Protein backbone atom coordinates (compact mmCIF):
# COMPACT_ATOMS: atom_id res chain seq x y z
CA MET A 1 0.00 0.00 0.00
CA GLU A 2 1.16 3.51 -0.76
CA LYS A 3 2.79 5.40 2.12
CA ILE A 4 1.11 8.75 2.60
CA SER A 5 -0.21 10.30 5.78
CA TYR A 6 -3.84 10.30 6.80
CA GLU A 7 -3.91 14.08 6.36
CA GLU A 8 -2.46 13.87 2.84
CA ALA A 9 -4.93 11.14 1.88
CA THR A 10 -7.96 13.07 3.14
CA LYS A 11 -6.77 16.24 1.42
CA GLU A 12 -6.38 14.44 -1.91
CA LEU A 13 -9.71 12.67 -1.42
CA ASN A 14 -11.48 15.99 -0.86
CA SER A 15 -9.83 17.36 -3.99
CA ILE A 16 -11.08 14.39 -6.01
CA ILE A 17 -14.61 14.77 -4.65
CA ASN A 18 -14.65 18.47 -5.53
CA LYS A 19 -13.34 17.79 -9.02
CA ILE A 20 -15.95 15.13 -9.74
CA GLU A 21 -18.77 17.27 -8.34
CA LYS A 22 -17.86 20.60 -9.91
CA GLU A 23 -16.18 19.82 -13.22
CA ASN A 24 -17.54 18.34 -16.37
CA ILE A 25 -14.97 15.60 -16.85
CA PRO A 26 -14.94 12.66 -19.25
CA MET A 27 -16.22 9.35 -17.90
CA SER A 28 -12.80 7.71 -18.25
CA GLU A 29 -11.19 10.38 -16.05
CA ALA A 30 -14.04 10.17 -13.55
CA LEU A 31 -13.51 6.40 -13.26
CA LYS A 32 -9.78 6.88 -12.68
CA LEU A 33 -10.51 9.46 -10.00
CA PHE A 34 -13.06 7.15 -8.41
CA GLU A 35 -10.53 4.31 -8.30
CA ARG A 36 -7.93 6.62 -6.75
CA GLY A 37 -10.54 7.70 -4.21
CA GLN A 38 -11.07 4.07 -3.22
CA GLU A 39 -7.32 3.65 -2.68
CA LEU A 40 -7.25 6.75 -0.51
CA ILE A 41 -10.20 5.54 1.57
CA LYS A 42 -8.35 2.27 2.23
CA ILE A 43 -5.31 4.25 3.37
CA CYS A 44 -7.49 6.33 5.70
CA TYR A 45 -9.17 3.28 7.22
CA THR A 46 -5.80 1.61 7.75
CA GLU A 47 -4.46 4.68 9.53
CA LEU A 48 -7.61 4.99 11.66
CA ASP A 49 -7.37 1.32 12.65
CA ARG A 50 -3.72 1.81 13.60
CA ALA A 51 -4.60 4.84 15.72
CA LYS A 52 -7.45 2.96 17.38
CA GLY A 53 -5.06 0.14 18.27
CA LYS A 54 -2.60 2.57 19.82
CA LEU A 55 -5.35 4.26 21.83
CA THR A 56 -6.59 0.90 23.09
CA GLU A 57 -3.05 -0.01 24.13
CA ILE A 58 -2.61 3.30 25.97
CA LYS A 59 -5.96 2.84 27.72
CA GLU A 60 -5.02 -0.68 28.82
CA ASN A 61 -1.65 0.55 30.12
CA LEU A 62 -3.35 3.33 32.07
CA GLY A 63 -5.69 0.78 33.60
CA LYS A 64 -2.71 -1.25 34.75
CA LEU A 65 -1.16 1.84 36.31
CA GLU A 66 -4.34 2.55 38.26
CA GLU A 67 -4.16 -0.94 39.78
CA ILE A 68 -0.73 -0.24 41.26
């Protein structure tokens, strides 16, 4: 999978959405943009899952500290 940050992916995704909504583009270009959008969404979900895992780990570690 391509290595770009969550912020970069969401920025590019918003740009694609705006282009598809506001411009009269050929169907072939719209399909390419749609496919790129799907790739970007996968990147975002992967990053969100990674962040969720880290937050869960931090929460568990805090719980262990409270037991001490």
